[in-house]
Each structure stands twice: as C-alpha cells, then as structure tokens.
C-alpha atoms as a PDB file:
ATOM      1  CA  MET A   1       0.000   0.000   0.000  1.00  0.00           C
ATOM      2  CA  LYS A   2       1.350   3.420  -0.974  1.00  0.00           C
ATOM      3  CA  GLY A   3       1.407   6.342   1.405  1.00  0.00           C
ATOM      4  CA  LYS A   4       0.391   9.895   0.743  1.00  0.00           C
ATOM      5  CA  ALA A   5       2.297  11.654  -2.060  1.00  0.00           C
ATOM      6  CA  LYS A   6       4.579  14.355  -0.690  1.00  0.00           C
ATOM      7  CA  THR A   7       6.106  17.488  -2.145  1.00  0.00           C
ATOM      8  CA  ARG A   8       9.799  17.300  -3.040  1.00  0.00           C
ATOM      9  CA  LYS A   9      11.183  19.970  -0.727  1.00  0.00           C
ATOM     10  CA  SER A  10      14.438  20.303  -2.665  1.00  0.00           C
ATOM     11  CA  LEU A  11      12.466  21.252  -5.788  1.00  0.00           C
ATOM     12  CA  SER A  12      10.085  23.570  -3.960  1.00  0.00           C
ATOM     13  CA  LYS A  13      13.081  25.639  -2.842  1.00  0.00           C
ATOM     14  CA  ARG A  14      14.520  25.922  -6.365  1.00  0.00           C
ATOM     15  CA  PHE A  15      11.456  26.521  -8.537  1.00  0.00           C
ATOM     16  CA  LYS A  16       8.420  28.807  -8.515  1.00  0.00           C
ATOM     17  CA  ILE A  17       5.108  28.201 -10.274  1.00  0.00           C
ATOM     18  CA  THR A  18       3.322  31.304 -11.548  1.00  0.00           C
ATOM     19  CA  PRO A  19      -0.470  31.738 -11.332  1.00  0.00           C
ATOM     20  CA  THR A  20      -0.667  30.967 -15.069  1.00  0.00           C
ATOM     21  CA  GLY A  21       1.178  27.657 -14.543  1.00  0.00           C
ATOM     22  CA  LYS A  22       4.652  28.493 -15.843  1.00  0.00           C
ATOM     23  CA  VAL A  23       7.638  27.092 -13.950  1.00  0.00           C
ATOM     24  CA  LEU A  24      10.474  29.510 -13.153  1.00  0.00           C
ATOM     25  CA  ARG A  25      14.070  28.856 -12.126  1.00  0.00           C
ATOM     26  CA  ARG A  26      17.105  30.962 -11.256  1.00  0.00           C
ATOM     27  CA  LEU A  27      20.202  31.160 -13.441  1.00  0.00           C
ATOM     28  CA  SER A  28      23.267  29.253 -12.308  1.00  0.00           C
ATOM     29  CA  GLY A  29      26.665  30.622 -11.367  1.00  0.00           C
ATOM     30  CA  MET A  30      25.827  33.034  -8.541  1.00  0.00           C
ATOM     31  CA  ASP A  31      26.821  30.979  -5.496  1.00  0.00           C
ATOM     32  CA  HIS A  32      30.499  31.978  -5.379  1.00  0.00           C
ATOM     33  CA  LEU A  33      33.285  33.800  -7.282  1.00  0.00           C
ATOM     34  CA  ARG A  34      31.116  36.896  -7.704  1.00  0.00           C
ATOM     35  CA  LYS A  35      34.060  39.259  -7.395  1.00  0.00           C
ATOM     36  CA  GLY A  36      35.351  38.343 -10.858  1.00  0.00           C
ATOM     37  CA  LYS A  37      31.999  38.809 -12.589  1.00  0.00           C
ATOM     38  CA  SER A  38      30.895  42.097 -14.104  1.00  0.00           C
ATOM     39  CA  GLU A  39      28.031  44.051 -12.550  1.00  0.00           C
ATOM     40  CA  ARG A  40      25.978  43.540 -15.707  1.00  0.00           C
ATOM     41  CA  THR A  41      26.391  39.758 -15.514  1.00  0.00           C
ATOM     42  CA  LYS A  42      25.385  39.730 -11.860  1.00  0.00           C
ATOM     43  CA  GLN A  43      22.257  41.784 -12.556  1.00  0.00           C
ATOM     44  CA  ARG A  44      21.233  39.485 -15.394  1.00  0.00           C
ATOM     45  CA  GLN A  45      21.648  36.390 -13.264  1.00  0.00           C
ATOM     46  CA  LYS A  46      19.295  37.669 -10.549  1.00  0.00           C
ATOM     47  CA  LYS A  47      16.291  37.202 -12.831  1.00  0.00           C
ATOM     48  CA  TRP A  48      13.951  34.215 -12.955  1.00  0.00           C
ATOM     49  CA  VAL A  49      13.682  32.414 -16.315  1.00  0.00           C
ATOM     50  CA  VAL A  50      10.995  30.087 -17.672  1.00  0.00           C
ATOM     51  CA  VAL A  51      11.740  26.347 -17.736  1.00  0.00           C
ATOM     52  CA  SER A  52      11.193  24.334 -20.947  1.00  0.00           C
ATOM     53  CA  LYS A  53       7.808  22.615 -21.239  1.00  0.00           C
ATOM     54  CA  PRO A  54       9.017  18.976 -20.959  1.00  0.00           C
ATOM     55  CA  LEU A  55      11.026  19.752 -17.825  1.00  0.00           C
ATOM     56  CA  ALA A  56       8.210  21.882 -16.405  1.00  0.00           C
ATOM     57  CA  LYS A  57       5.843  18.926 -16.687  1.00  0.00           C
ATOM     58  CA  LYS A  58       8.198  16.747 -14.596  1.00  0.00           C
ATOM     59  CA  ILE A  59       8.697  19.460 -11.995  1.00  0.00           C
ATOM     60  CA  LYS A  60       4.968  20.104 -11.636  1.00  0.00           C
ATOM     61  CA  SER A  61       4.342  16.403 -11.023  1.00  0.00           C
ATOM     62  CA  GLU A  62       6.768  16.527  -8.075  1.00  0.00           C
ATOM     63  CA  LEU A  63       5.334  19.801  -6.704  1.00  0.00           C
ATOM     64  CA  LYS A  64       1.711  18.751  -6.374  1.00  0.00           C
ATOM     65  CA  TYR A  65       1.044  20.195  -2.933  1.00  0.00           C
END
C-alpha cells in the first residue's frame, strides 16, 4: 500500500510556479566567485527564467502540494 504523495522539498526551494502555470528557475553561477563577474552579468543572473515545457511537466508532477 502506498502512502500519501509528498512534495519534493528540494524542488520547492529551487522553482516557482506562476499563477498561469509556468515554472520559473534561477540562473546558475551566482553561489560563489562573484568578485570576478561584471556588474551587468550579476544583474542578469538575478532574474527568474521560464523552464522548458518537458522539464516543467516533470517538476509540476513533483510539486503537487
């Protein structure tokens, strides 16, 4: 017998789902070595970007609750 399906907490911390159903993620490369990056690069990498549809479908299935 299977138990209750649970939300993947690791994914819930990394992705956001918009009210329209799009899945958003952050850009990589901002955890360390920021000193060597230009200000323009750092500003660009703060933004959220939309995930591709096939990957979004997998993520949504793990973030049901």
